[in-house]
C-alpha atoms as a PDB file:
ATOM      1  CA  UNK A   1       2.609  34.510   0.984  1.00  0.00           C
ATOM      2  CA  UNK A   2       0.214  36.059   3.496  1.00  0.00           C
ATOM      3  CA  UNK A   3       1.207  38.835   5.899  1.00  0.00           C
ATOM      4  CA  UNK A   4      -0.351  39.718   9.265  1.00  0.00           C
ATOM      5  CA  UNK A   5       0.419  41.885  12.288  1.00  0.00           C
ATOM      6  CA  UNK A   6       0.362  38.837  14.540  1.00  0.00           C
ATOM      7  CA  UNK A   7       0.373  35.097  13.900  1.00  0.00           C
ATOM      8  CA  UNK A   8      -1.154  32.895  16.600  1.00  0.00           C
ATOM      9  CA  UNK A   9      -0.286  29.213  16.302  1.00  0.00           C
ATOM     10  CA  UNK A  10      -3.138  27.117  17.678  1.00  0.00           C
ATOM     11  CA  UNK A  11      -6.894  27.754  17.883  1.00  0.00           C
ATOM     12  CA  UNK A  12      -7.571  26.156  21.242  1.00  0.00           C
ATOM     13  CA  UNK A  13      -8.685  28.168  24.247  1.00  0.00           C
ATOM     14  CA  UNK A  14      -5.300  29.925  24.538  1.00  0.00           C
ATOM     15  CA  UNK A  15      -5.061  30.877  20.881  1.00  0.00           C
ATOM     16  CA  UNK A  16      -8.657  32.057  20.672  1.00  0.00           C
ATOM     17  CA  UNK A  17      -8.341  34.228  23.788  1.00  0.00           C
ATOM     18  CA  UNK A  18      -5.126  35.730  22.415  1.00  0.00           C
ATOM     19  CA  UNK A  19      -6.703  36.492  19.036  1.00  0.00           C
ATOM     20  CA  UNK A  20      -9.681  38.148  20.728  1.00  0.00           C
ATOM     21  CA  UNK A  21      -7.477  40.467  22.781  1.00  0.00           C
ATOM     22  CA  UNK A  22      -4.835  41.274  20.150  1.00  0.00           C
ATOM     23  CA  UNK A  23      -6.656  44.213  18.449  1.00  0.00           C
ATOM     24  CA  UNK A  24      -6.787  46.053  21.786  1.00  0.00           C
ATOM     25  CA  UNK A  25      -2.988  46.062  21.776  1.00  0.00           C
ATOM     26  CA  UNK A  26      -2.458  47.354  18.250  1.00  0.00           C
ATOM     27  CA  UNK A  27      -2.507  44.104  16.276  1.00  0.00           C
ATOM     28  CA  UNK A  28      -5.204  44.818  13.694  1.00  0.00           C
ATOM     29  CA  UNK A  29      -4.534  41.907  11.340  1.00  0.00           C
ATOM     30  CA  UNK A  30      -4.459  38.667  13.300  1.00  0.00           C
ATOM     31  CA  UNK A  31      -3.969  35.288  11.676  1.00  0.00           C
ATOM     32  CA  UNK A  32      -4.637  32.051  13.596  1.00  0.00           C
ATOM     33  CA  UNK A  33      -3.185  28.792  12.263  1.00  0.00           C
ATOM     34  CA  UNK A  34      -4.814  25.570  13.460  1.00  0.00           C
ATOM     35  CA  UNK A  35      -3.867  22.011  12.481  1.00  0.00           C
ATOM     36  CA  UNK A  36      -7.328  20.538  13.142  1.00  0.00           C
ATOM     37  CA  UNK A  37     -10.344  20.864  10.868  1.00  0.00           C
ATOM     38  CA  UNK A  38     -12.058  23.281  13.257  1.00  0.00           C
ATOM     39  CA  UNK A  39     -11.172  25.617  16.138  1.00  0.00           C
ATOM     40  CA  UNK A  40     -11.344  24.292  19.674  1.00  0.00           C
ATOM     41  CA  UNK A  41      -7.982  22.685  20.195  1.00  0.00           C
ATOM     42  CA  UNK A  42      -8.064  19.277  21.860  1.00  0.00           C
ATOM     43  CA  UNK A  43     -11.507  19.689  23.433  1.00  0.00           C
ATOM     44  CA  UNK A  44     -13.443  17.785  20.727  1.00  0.00           C
ATOM     45  CA  UNK A  45     -11.110  14.801  21.227  1.00  0.00           C
ATOM     46  CA  UNK A  46     -11.429  14.419  24.996  1.00  0.00           C
ATOM     47  CA  UNK A  47     -13.353  11.516  26.528  1.00  0.00           C
ATOM     48  CA  UNK A  48     -17.116  11.745  26.310  1.00  0.00           C
ATOM     49  CA  UNK A  49     -17.928  12.301  29.991  1.00  0.00           C
ATOM     50  CA  UNK A  50     -15.254  14.879  30.779  1.00  0.00           C
ATOM     51  CA  UNK A  51     -16.612  17.419  33.245  1.00  0.00           C
ATOM     52  CA  UNK A  52     -14.923  20.656  34.260  1.00  0.00           C
ATOM     53  CA  UNK A  53     -13.881  21.079  37.865  1.00  0.00           C
ATOM     54  CA  UNK A  54     -14.503  24.814  37.551  1.00  0.00           C
ATOM     55  CA  UNK A  55     -18.066  26.184  37.392  1.00  0.00           C
ATOM     56  CA  UNK A  56     -19.265  28.011  34.291  1.00  0.00           C
ATOM     57  CA  UNK A  57     -18.831  31.434  35.918  1.00  0.00           C
ATOM     58  CA  UNK A  58     -15.066  30.759  36.081  1.00  0.00           C
ATOM     59  CA  UNK A  59     -14.777  29.104  32.660  1.00  0.00           C
ATOM     60  CA  UNK A  60     -15.175  32.040  30.299  1.00  0.00           C
ATOM     61  CA  UNK A  61     -12.760  33.525  27.792  1.00  0.00           C
ATOM     62  CA  UNK A  62     -12.379  37.321  27.442  1.00  0.00           C
ATOM     63  CA  UNK A  63     -15.474  39.097  26.146  1.00  0.00           C
ATOM     64  CA  UNK A  64     -17.946  36.192  26.129  1.00  0.00           C
ATOM     65  CA  UNK A  65     -19.691  34.736  29.161  1.00  0.00           C
ATOM     66  CA  UNK A  66     -20.077  30.958  29.349  1.00  0.00           C
ATOM     67  CA  UNK A  67     -23.835  30.435  28.814  1.00  0.00           C
ATOM     68  CA  UNK A  68     -26.312  28.814  31.180  1.00  0.00           C
ATOM     69  CA  UNK A  69     -26.352  28.371  34.931  1.00  0.00           C
ATOM     70  CA  UNK A  70     -23.105  29.972  36.144  1.00  0.00           C
ATOM     71  CA  UNK A  71     -22.803  27.540  39.054  1.00  0.00           C
ATOM     72  CA  UNK A  72     -22.987  24.332  37.050  1.00  0.00           C
ATOM     73  CA  UNK A  73     -19.942  22.320  35.956  1.00  0.00           C
ATOM     74  CA  UNK A  74     -19.934  22.162  32.124  1.00  0.00           C
ATOM     75  CA  UNK A  75     -19.353  18.955  30.188  1.00  0.00           C
ATOM     76  CA  UNK A  76     -16.981  18.495  27.267  1.00  0.00           C
ATOM     77  CA  UNK A  77     -19.576  19.086  24.542  1.00  0.00           C
ATOM     78  CA  UNK A  78     -20.676  22.336  26.176  1.00  0.00           C
ATOM     79  CA  UNK A  79     -17.109  23.603  26.121  1.00  0.00           C
ATOM     80  CA  UNK A  80     -16.726  22.574  22.479  1.00  0.00           C
ATOM     81  CA  UNK A  81     -19.894  24.463  21.537  1.00  0.00           C
ATOM     82  CA  UNK A  82     -18.715  27.497  23.495  1.00  0.00           C
ATOM     83  CA  UNK A  83     -15.341  27.562  21.748  1.00  0.00           C
ATOM     84  CA  UNK A  84     -16.972  27.213  18.330  1.00  0.00           C
ATOM     85  CA  UNK A  85     -19.246  30.154  19.042  1.00  0.00           C
ATOM     86  CA  UNK A  86     -16.319  32.156  20.400  1.00  0.00           C
ATOM     87  CA  UNK A  87     -14.263  31.509  17.261  1.00  0.00           C
ATOM     88  CA  UNK A  88     -17.095  32.723  15.042  1.00  0.00           C
ATOM     89  CA  UNK A  89     -17.023  36.115  16.794  1.00  0.00           C
ATOM     90  CA  UNK A  90     -13.288  36.654  16.541  1.00  0.00           C
ATOM     91  CA  UNK A  91     -11.856  39.689  14.733  1.00  0.00           C
ATOM     92  CA  UNK A  92      -9.257  37.376  13.193  1.00  0.00           C
ATOM     93  CA  UNK A  93      -8.703  35.071  10.235  1.00  0.00           C
ATOM     94  CA  UNK A  94      -8.528  31.394  11.205  1.00  0.00           C
ATOM     95  CA  UNK A  95      -6.830  28.929   8.859  1.00  0.00           C
ATOM     96  CA  UNK A  96      -7.837  25.404   9.855  1.00  0.00           C
ATOM     97  CA  UNK A  97      -6.176  22.218   8.533  1.00  0.00           C
ATOM     98  CA  UNK A  98      -2.924  24.184   8.654  1.00  0.00           C
ATOM     99  CA  UNK A  99      -0.133  22.430  10.530  1.00  0.00           C
ATOM    100  CA  UNK A 100       2.872  24.636  11.168  1.00  0.00           C
ATOM    101  CA  UNK A 101       6.150  22.996  10.174  1.00  0.00           C
ATOM    102  CA  UNK A 102       8.544  25.815  11.060  1.00  0.00           C
ATOM    103  CA  UNK A 103       8.684  29.327  12.459  1.00  0.00           C
ATOM    104  CA  UNK A 104      11.918  31.296  12.069  1.00  0.00           C
ATOM    105  CA  UNK A 105      12.690  34.985  12.592  1.00  0.00           C
ATOM    106  CA  UNK A 106      14.566  36.514   9.655  1.00  0.00           C
ATOM    107  CA  UNK A 107      15.240  40.197   8.931  1.00  0.00           C
ATOM    108  CA  UNK A 108      12.999  41.370  11.811  1.00  0.00           C
ATOM    109  CA  UNK A 109      10.070  39.295  10.514  1.00  0.00           C
ATOM    110  CA  UNK A 110       8.760  35.900  11.532  1.00  0.00           C
ATOM    111  CA  UNK A 111       8.421  33.482   8.616  1.00  0.00           C
ATOM    112  CA  UNK A 112       5.997  30.660   9.300  1.00  0.00           C
ATOM    113  CA  UNK A 113       5.700  27.733   6.932  1.00  0.00           C
ATOM    114  CA  UNK A 114       2.949  25.107   6.986  1.00  0.00           C
ATOM    115  CA  UNK A 115       3.466  21.448   6.166  1.00  0.00           C
ATOM    116  CA  UNK A 116       1.724  21.919   2.815  1.00  0.00           C
ATOM    117  CA  UNK A 117       4.194  24.646   1.801  1.00  0.00           C
ATOM    118  CA  UNK A 118       2.169  27.797   2.465  1.00  0.00           C
ATOM    119  CA  UNK A 119       4.064  30.722   3.965  1.00  0.00           C
ATOM    120  CA  UNK A 120       2.935  33.430   6.387  1.00  0.00           C
ATOM    121  CA  UNK A 121       4.824  36.405   7.807  1.00  0.00           C
ATOM    122  CA  UNK A 122       4.344  38.734  10.780  1.00  0.00           C
ATOM    123  CA  UNK A 123       6.469  40.839  13.127  1.00  0.00           C
ATOM    124  CA  UNK A 124       5.203  38.832  16.092  1.00  0.00           C
ATOM    125  CA  UNK A 125       4.222  35.210  16.770  1.00  0.00           C
ATOM    126  CA  UNK A 126       2.470  33.642  19.755  1.00  0.00           C
ATOM    127  CA  UNK A 127       2.743  29.889  20.212  1.00  0.00           C
ATOM    128  CA  UNK A 128      -0.533  28.685  21.729  1.00  0.00           C
ATOM    129  CA  UNK A 129      -0.420  25.017  20.794  1.00  0.00           C
ATOM    130  CA  UNK A 130      -0.400  23.829  24.401  1.00  0.00           C
ATOM    131  CA  UNK A 131       0.527  20.234  25.111  1.00  0.00           C
ATOM    132  CA  UNK A 132      -2.641  18.171  24.732  1.00  0.00           C
ATOM    133  CA  UNK A 133      -1.541  16.987  21.312  1.00  0.00           C
ATOM    134  CA  UNK A 134       1.423  15.161  22.858  1.00  0.00           C
ATOM    135  CA  UNK A 135       0.255  12.582  25.434  1.00  0.00           C
ATOM    136  CA  UNK A 136       2.883  11.320  27.851  1.00  0.00           C
ATOM    137  CA  UNK A 137       3.113   7.700  28.985  1.00  0.00           C
ATOM    138  CA  UNK A 138       5.954   6.473  31.202  1.00  0.00           C
ATOM    139  CA  UNK A 139       8.398   3.958  29.766  1.00  0.00           C
ATOM    140  CA  UNK A 140       7.642   0.802  31.768  1.00  0.00           C
ATOM    141  CA  UNK A 141       9.629  -2.383  31.420  1.00  0.00           C
ATOM    142  CA  UNK A 142       7.891  -5.190  29.547  1.00  0.00           C
ATOM    143  CA  UNK A 143       5.453  -2.952  27.673  1.00  0.00           C
ATOM    144  CA  UNK A 144       6.313  -4.296  24.177  1.00  0.00           C
ATOM    145  CA  UNK A 145       5.561  -7.862  25.239  1.00  0.00           C
ATOM    146  CA  UNK A 146       2.254  -7.167  26.957  1.00  0.00           C
ATOM    147  CA  UNK A 147      -0.607  -8.851  25.128  1.00  0.00           C
ATOM    148  CA  UNK A 148      -3.402  -6.632  26.379  1.00  0.00           C
ATOM    149  CA  UNK A 149      -4.546  -3.171  25.365  1.00  0.00           C
ATOM    150  CA  UNK A 150      -2.566  -0.071  26.378  1.00  0.00           C
ATOM    151  CA  UNK A 151      -3.879   3.433  25.709  1.00  0.00           C
ATOM    152  CA  UNK A 152      -3.574   6.978  26.948  1.00  0.00           C
ATOM    153  CA  UNK A 153      -6.478   9.011  28.306  1.00  0.00           C
ATOM    154  CA  UNK A 154      -6.217  11.010  25.066  1.00  0.00           C
ATOM    155  CA  UNK A 155      -7.502   7.921  23.228  1.00  0.00           C
ATOM    156  CA  UNK A 156     -10.098   6.891  25.812  1.00  0.00           C
ATOM    157  CA  UNK A 157     -13.707   7.761  24.973  1.00  0.00           C
ATOM    158  CA  UNK A 158     -16.216   5.765  27.044  1.00  0.00           C
ATOM    159  CA  UNK A 159     -16.393   2.711  29.348  1.00  0.00           C
ATOM    160  CA  UNK A 160     -18.473   0.477  27.069  1.00  0.00           C
ATOM    161  CA  UNK A 161     -15.472  -1.043  25.284  1.00  0.00           C
ATOM    162  CA  UNK A 162     -14.091  -2.291  28.626  1.00  0.00           C
ATOM    163  CA  UNK A 163     -17.205  -4.007  29.998  1.00  0.00           C
ATOM    164  CA  UNK A 164     -16.384  -7.160  31.958  1.00  0.00           C
ATOM    165  CA  UNK A 165     -12.633  -6.625  31.729  1.00  0.00           C
ATOM    166  CA  UNK A 166      -9.828  -6.202  34.252  1.00  0.00           C
ATOM    167  CA  UNK A 167      -8.562  -2.637  33.845  1.00  0.00           C
ATOM    168  CA  UNK A 168      -5.860  -0.543  35.501  1.00  0.00           C
ATOM    169  CA  UNK A 169      -5.984   3.249  35.318  1.00  0.00           C
ATOM    170  CA  UNK A 170      -2.601   4.840  35.940  1.00  0.00           C
ATOM    171  CA  UNK A 171      -2.520   8.335  37.417  1.00  0.00           C
ATOM    172  CA  UNK A 172      -3.705  10.317  40.410  1.00  0.00           C
ATOM    173  CA  UNK A 173      -5.106  13.472  38.823  1.00  0.00           C
ATOM    174  CA  UNK A 174      -8.603  14.627  37.932  1.00  0.00           C
ATOM    175  CA  UNK A 175      -8.785  12.773  34.611  1.00  0.00           C
ATOM    176  CA  UNK A 176      -7.587   9.497  36.126  1.00  0.00           C
ATOM    177  CA  UNK A 177     -10.232   9.730  38.839  1.00  0.00           C
ATOM    178  CA  UNK A 178     -13.044  10.546  36.393  1.00  0.00           C
ATOM    179  CA  UNK A 179     -12.097   7.671  34.098  1.00  0.00           C
ATOM    180  CA  UNK A 180     -11.691   5.160  36.941  1.00  0.00           C
ATOM    181  CA  UNK A 181     -15.004   6.237  38.469  1.00  0.00           C
ATOM    182  CA  UNK A 182     -16.941   5.608  35.255  1.00  0.00           C
ATOM    183  CA  UNK A 183     -15.128   2.336  34.520  1.00  0.00           C
ATOM    184  CA  UNK A 184     -15.937   1.011  37.993  1.00  0.00           C
ATOM    185  CA  UNK A 185     -19.563   0.032  37.296  1.00  0.00           C
ATOM    186  CA  UNK A 186     -18.682  -2.002  34.171  1.00  0.00           C
ATOM    187  CA  UNK A 187     -15.146  -3.299  34.753  1.00  0.00           C
ATOM    188  CA  UNK A 188     -12.941  -4.634  37.545  1.00  0.00           C
ATOM    189  CA  UNK A 189     -10.924  -1.459  37.984  1.00  0.00           C
ATOM    190  CA  UNK A 190      -7.830  -0.465  39.950  1.00  0.00           C
ATOM    191  CA  UNK A 191      -6.247   2.953  40.228  1.00  0.00           C
ATOM    192  CA  UNK A 192      -2.439   2.683  40.196  1.00  0.00           C
ATOM    193  CA  UNK A 193      -0.476   5.662  41.549  1.00  0.00           C
ATOM    194  CA  UNK A 194       2.999   6.401  42.880  1.00  0.00           C
ATOM    195  CA  UNK A 195       1.602   8.090  45.984  1.00  0.00           C
ATOM    196  CA  UNK A 196      -1.757   8.188  47.772  1.00  0.00           C
ATOM    197  CA  UNK A 197      -4.439  10.256  46.056  1.00  0.00           C
ATOM    198  CA  UNK A 198      -4.850  13.746  47.509  1.00  0.00           C
ATOM    199  CA  UNK A 199      -8.362  15.185  47.761  1.00  0.00           C
ATOM    200  CA  UNK A 200      -9.330  18.869  47.741  1.00  0.00           C
ATOM    201  CA  UNK A 201     -12.892  19.890  48.664  1.00  0.00           C
ATOM    202  CA  UNK A 202     -14.686  21.424  45.702  1.00  0.00           C
ATOM    203  CA  UNK A 203     -16.678  23.800  47.896  1.00  0.00           C
ATOM    204  CA  UNK A 204     -14.812  24.585  51.111  1.00  0.00           C
ATOM    205  CA  UNK A 205     -17.026  26.539  53.515  1.00  0.00           C
ATOM    206  CA  UNK A 206     -19.798  26.528  50.904  1.00  0.00           C
ATOM    207  CA  UNK A 207     -17.859  28.410  48.225  1.00  0.00           C
ATOM    208  CA  UNK A 208     -16.386  26.858  45.098  1.00  0.00           C
ATOM    209  CA  UNK A 209     -12.611  26.451  45.262  1.00  0.00           C
ATOM    210  CA  UNK A 210     -12.201  28.786  42.281  1.00  0.00           C
ATOM    211  CA  UNK A 211     -13.966  31.556  44.202  1.00  0.00           C
ATOM    212  CA  UNK A 212     -11.362  31.201  46.946  1.00  0.00           C
ATOM    213  CA  UNK A 213      -8.511  31.155  44.421  1.00  0.00           C
ATOM    214  CA  UNK A 214      -9.785  34.338  42.814  1.00  0.00           C
ATOM    215  CA  UNK A 215     -10.595  36.419  45.874  1.00  0.00           C
ATOM    216  CA  UNK A 216      -7.697  35.251  48.014  1.00  0.00           C
ATOM    217  CA  UNK A 217      -5.338  35.942  45.084  1.00  0.00           C
ATOM    218  CA  UNK A 218      -3.596  32.648  45.781  1.00  0.00           C
ATOM    219  CA  UNK A 219      -2.820  32.178  42.100  1.00  0.00           C
ATOM    220  CA  UNK A 220      -0.925  35.451  41.613  1.00  0.00           C
ATOM    221  CA  UNK A 221       2.403  35.270  39.758  1.00  0.00           C
ATOM    222  CA  UNK A 222       4.936  35.692  42.617  1.00  0.00           C
ATOM    223  CA  UNK A 223       4.049  32.308  44.147  1.00  0.00           C
ATOM    224  CA  UNK A 224       3.673  30.306  40.943  1.00  0.00           C
ATOM    225  CA  UNK A 225       6.921  28.395  41.544  1.00  0.00           C
ATOM    226  CA  UNK A 226       5.692  27.253  44.948  1.00  0.00           C
ATOM    227  CA  UNK A 227       2.347  26.208  43.484  1.00  0.00           C
ATOM    228  CA  UNK A 228       4.101  24.183  40.803  1.00  0.00           C
ATOM    229  CA  UNK A 229       5.646  22.031  43.527  1.00  0.00           C
ATOM    230  CA  UNK A 230       2.365  21.272  45.285  1.00  0.00           C
ATOM    231  CA  UNK A 231       1.481  17.550  44.919  1.00  0.00           C
ATOM    232  CA  UNK A 232      -1.360  16.731  42.528  1.00  0.00           C
ATOM    233  CA  UNK A 233      -4.715  16.825  44.291  1.00  0.00           C
ATOM    234  CA  UNK A 234      -8.150  15.857  42.986  1.00  0.00           C
ATOM    235  CA  UNK A 235     -10.932  18.434  43.298  1.00  0.00           C
ATOM    236  CA  UNK A 236     -14.097  16.670  44.433  1.00  0.00           C
ATOM    237  CA  UNK A 237     -17.408  17.423  46.092  1.00  0.00           C
ATOM    238  CA  UNK A 238     -17.526  13.820  47.314  1.00  0.00           C
ATOM    239  CA  UNK A 239     -19.102  12.394  44.170  1.00  0.00           C
ATOM    240  CA  UNK A 240     -16.010  10.792  42.656  1.00  0.00           C
ATOM    241  CA  UNK A 241     -14.659   9.462  45.924  1.00  0.00           C
ATOM    242  CA  UNK A 242     -18.020   7.856  46.630  1.00  0.00           C
ATOM    243  CA  UNK A 243     -18.161   6.422  43.098  1.00  0.00           C
ATOM    244  CA  UNK A 244     -14.757   4.788  43.508  1.00  0.00           C
ATOM    245  CA  UNK A 245     -15.694   3.293  46.867  1.00  0.00           C
ATOM    246  CA  UNK A 246     -19.169   2.286  45.749  1.00  0.00           C
ATOM    247  CA  UNK A 247     -17.943   0.319  42.759  1.00  0.00           C
ATOM    248  CA  UNK A 248     -14.944  -1.278  44.406  1.00  0.00           C
ATOM    249  CA  UNK A 249     -12.252   0.697  42.608  1.00  0.00           C
ATOM    250  CA  UNK A 250      -9.172   0.219  44.778  1.00  0.00           C
ATOM    251  CA  UNK A 251      -5.905   2.134  44.778  1.00  0.00           C
ATOM    252  CA  UNK A 252      -2.604   0.307  44.627  1.00  0.00           C
ATOM    253  CA  UNK A 253       0.998   1.401  44.393  1.00  0.00           C
ATOM    254  CA  UNK A 254       2.168   1.597  40.791  1.00  0.00           C
ATOM    255  CA  UNK A 255       3.095  -1.745  39.232  1.00  0.00           C
ATOM    256  CA  UNK A 256       6.789  -2.314  38.530  1.00  0.00           C
ATOM    257  CA  UNK A 257       6.569  -3.850  35.068  1.00  0.00           C
ATOM    258  CA  UNK A 258       4.346  -5.438  32.434  1.00  0.00           C
ATOM    259  CA  UNK A 259       4.223  -9.186  31.938  1.00  0.00           C
ATOM    260  CA  UNK A 260       2.974 -11.020  28.863  1.00  0.00           C
ATOM    261  CA  UNK A 261      -0.521 -11.282  30.280  1.00  0.00           C
ATOM    262  CA  UNK A 262      -0.648  -8.489  32.802  1.00  0.00           C
ATOM    263  CA  UNK A 263       1.470  -6.686  35.379  1.00  0.00           C
ATOM    264  CA  UNK A 264       3.884  -7.318  38.225  1.00  0.00           C
ATOM    265  CA  UNK A 265       2.823  -5.332  41.270  1.00  0.00           C
ATOM    266  CA  UNK A 266       5.254  -3.616  43.630  1.00  0.00           C
ATOM    267  CA  UNK A 267       4.661  -6.318  46.270  1.00  0.00           C
ATOM    268  CA  UNK A 268       5.863  -9.009  43.850  1.00  0.00           C
ATOM    269  CA  UNK A 269       2.466 -10.439  42.926  1.00  0.00           C
ATOM    270  CA  UNK A 270       1.491 -11.020  39.295  1.00  0.00           C
ATOM    271  CA  UNK A 271      -1.957 -10.414  37.851  1.00  0.00           C
ATOM    272  CA  UNK A 272      -3.581 -10.881  34.477  1.00  0.00           C
ATOM    273  CA  UNK A 273      -4.919  -7.639  33.032  1.00  0.00           C
ATOM    274  CA  UNK A 274      -6.961  -6.849  29.929  1.00  0.00           C
ATOM    275  CA  UNK A 275      -6.211  -3.150  29.571  1.00  0.00           C
ATOM    276  CA  UNK A 276      -4.150  -0.305  31.028  1.00  0.00           C
ATOM    277  CA  UNK A 277      -5.207   3.330  30.643  1.00  0.00           C
ATOM    278  CA  UNK A 278      -2.482   5.915  31.264  1.00  0.00           C
ATOM    279  CA  UNK A 279      -3.941   9.184  32.553  1.00  0.00           C
ATOM    280  CA  UNK A 280      -0.447  10.545  33.004  1.00  0.00           C
ATOM    281  CA  UNK A 281      -0.678  13.943  31.414  1.00  0.00           C
ATOM    282  CA  UNK A 282       0.947  15.601  28.435  1.00  0.00           C
ATOM    283  CA  UNK A 283       4.248  17.220  27.542  1.00  0.00           C
ATOM    284  CA  UNK A 284       4.628  20.476  25.572  1.00  0.00           C
ATOM    285  CA  UNK A 285       6.329  20.096  22.207  1.00  0.00           C
ATOM    286  CA  UNK A 286       7.318  23.068  20.056  1.00  0.00           C
ATOM    287  CA  UNK A 287       9.059  21.249  17.228  1.00  0.00           C
ATOM    288  CA  UNK A 288       8.148  24.005  14.761  1.00  0.00           C
ATOM    289  CA  UNK A 289      10.456  26.336  16.697  1.00  0.00           C
ATOM    290  CA  UNK A 290      13.483  24.082  16.286  1.00  0.00           C
ATOM    291  CA  UNK A 291      16.349  26.162  14.956  1.00  0.00           C
ATOM    292  CA  UNK A 292      14.720  29.460  15.882  1.00  0.00           C
ATOM    293  CA  UNK A 293      16.825  29.998  18.991  1.00  0.00           C
ATOM    294  CA  UNK A 294      13.711  30.026  21.193  1.00  0.00           C
ATOM    295  CA  UNK A 295      14.212  26.591  22.791  1.00  0.00           C
ATOM    296  CA  UNK A 296      16.755  25.182  25.205  1.00  0.00           C
ATOM    297  CA  UNK A 297      18.697  21.951  24.687  1.00  0.00           C
ATOM    298  CA  UNK A 298      15.745  19.929  25.958  1.00  0.00           C
ATOM    299  CA  UNK A 299      13.309  21.597  23.549  1.00  0.00           C
ATOM    300  CA  UNK A 300      11.588  23.738  26.199  1.00  0.00           C
ATOM    301  CA  UNK A 301      10.851  27.446  25.632  1.00  0.00           C
ATOM    302  CA  UNK A 302      13.287  29.924  27.141  1.00  0.00           C
ATOM    303  CA  UNK A 303      10.919  32.558  28.496  1.00  0.00           C
ATOM    304  CA  UNK A 304       9.830  34.722  31.384  1.00  0.00           C
ATOM    305  CA  UNK A 305       6.103  34.680  31.991  1.00  0.00           C
ATOM    306  CA  UNK A 306       5.551  33.557  28.397  1.00  0.00           C
ATOM    307  CA  UNK A 307       7.730  36.177  26.719  1.00  0.00           C
ATOM    308  CA  UNK A 308      10.735  34.713  24.921  1.00  0.00           C
ATOM    309  CA  UNK A 309      14.013  35.948  26.372  1.00  0.00           C
ATOM    310  CA  UNK A 310      16.114  34.780  23.422  1.00  0.00           C
ATOM    311  CA  UNK A 311      14.137  35.778  20.307  1.00  0.00           C
ATOM    312  CA  UNK A 312      12.329  39.062  19.720  1.00  0.00           C
ATOM    313  CA  UNK A 313       8.638  39.133  18.907  1.00  0.00           C
ATOM    314  CA  UNK A 314       7.794  35.668  20.273  1.00  0.00           C
ATOM    315  CA  UNK A 315       5.515  34.637  23.089  1.00  0.00           C
ATOM    316  CA  UNK A 316       3.784  31.603  24.553  1.00  0.00           C
ATOM    317  CA  UNK A 317       0.311  31.204  26.070  1.00  0.00           C
ATOM    318  CA  UNK A 318      -1.266  28.178  27.719  1.00  0.00           C
ATOM    319  CA  UNK A 319       1.635  26.540  29.546  1.00  0.00           C
ATOM    320  CA  UNK A 320       1.434  25.069  33.051  1.00  0.00           C
ATOM    321  CA  UNK A 321       2.199  27.667  35.735  1.00  0.00           C
ATOM    322  CA  UNK A 322       3.305  30.117  33.051  1.00  0.00           C
ATOM    323  CA  UNK A 323       2.450  33.037  35.294  1.00  0.00           C
ATOM    324  CA  UNK A 324      -0.023  31.653  37.811  1.00  0.00           C
ATOM    325  CA  UNK A 325      -1.895  28.645  39.110  1.00  0.00           C
ATOM    326  CA  UNK A 326      -4.623  29.169  36.483  1.00  0.00           C
ATOM    327  CA  UNK A 327      -2.383  29.830  33.459  1.00  0.00           C
ATOM    328  CA  UNK A 328      -3.494  26.738  31.571  1.00  0.00           C
ATOM    329  CA  UNK A 329      -7.218  27.095  32.274  1.00  0.00           C
ATOM    330  CA  UNK A 330     -10.135  28.712  30.500  1.00  0.00           C
ATOM    331  CA  UNK A 331     -10.260  31.465  33.106  1.00  0.00           C
ATOM    332  CA  UNK A 332      -6.511  32.057  33.146  1.00  0.00           C
ATOM    333  CA  UNK A 333      -5.401  32.197  29.523  1.00  0.00           C
ATOM    334  CA  UNK A 334      -6.905  35.623  28.863  1.00  0.00           C
ATOM    335  CA  UNK A 335      -4.987  37.203  31.717  1.00  0.00           C
ATOM    336  CA  UNK A 336      -1.714  35.745  30.475  1.00  0.00           C
ATOM    337  CA  UNK A 337      -2.470  36.789  26.889  1.00  0.00           C
ATOM    338  CA  UNK A 338      -3.112  40.370  28.014  1.00  0.00           C
ATOM    339  CA  UNK A 339       0.198  40.489  29.888  1.00  0.00           C
ATOM    340  CA  UNK A 340       2.064  39.100  26.879  1.00  0.00           C
ATOM    341  CA  UNK A 341       0.430  41.235  24.182  1.00  0.00           C
ATOM    342  CA  UNK A 342       1.307  44.361  26.167  1.00  0.00           C
ATOM    343  CA  UNK A 343       4.984  43.389  25.899  1.00  0.00           C
ATOM    344  CA  UNK A 344       5.169  42.330  22.248  1.00  0.00           C
ATOM    345  CA  UNK A 345       6.004  45.031  19.685  1.00  0.00           C
ATOM    346  CA  UNK A 346       2.869  46.102  17.828  1.00  0.00           C
ATOM    347  CA  UNK A 347       3.275  47.244  14.226  1.00  0.00           C
ATOM    348  CA  UNK A 348       3.533  50.967  13.578  1.00  0.00           C
ATOM    349  CA  UNK A 349       0.761  52.581  11.545  1.00  0.00           C
END
């Protein structure tokens, strides 16, 4: 059994930022448990062309600037390299290939058990596993009988495998737009959404949107509930919109069901389809906290700003709108981690 002052579950951007900040708040011995073979969370598994919608100057974790031109928009591999370098500098022990099976508080101590039977203890635990390991796809009638290929954006890598095919991308967010835009030149592509796509200028009045968010303080905590209700909008400097138009990627209302060979559109027309890519987001799952008292009946954390309100010594980092508009982003996780660590009980020396 291994003991620490703080156990962080997950070595993605949220977990790494938390581990970096923990010593400043009295947690000298920090242990990070990560299910993958290396730190970095889900970033190494994203599609090849993924590009951040935030410039490098607003994509840094606490204590380490994102390298290179601060005004460029980093690609997936750049973020992966950055997170690897960040992990190497951490004042923490990282245990990779360690999937947490359960975390229960007993006798004022958290007891964390991995799937391979190892046990770890600490007075405080922070769940930073995020939700990118649990892709969400809507349950659409006829799916089991569809003869084509169905996949989630989490399993999409590059457009080459879809060359010459008829493809539908489902979703109206940033990932759906990026994937549809790069499929357009090689495949007959349609974007299927439940409402028209909303577009947000990437550089209103010549300044990046993230500059405005920061200096206008739009993403401060008191308005997070209002921000959570704002319809999804795609951040674009005109490039993706032009790519969709230029390659004939049309938008249609979401199809109503699958058929054996394709889909039935909302207007009643049928069409043969080779593949459907769901870019429909992810759902947080904290199965390792089942039975701990930290989750509600639906399996969601009971918390305020990331601090558990039902179990002592437990926090969460990296959830959508946890405390602000940027809570789930590279630039936002450090701020949330700082707030949380200040409120968790540090061990007495």
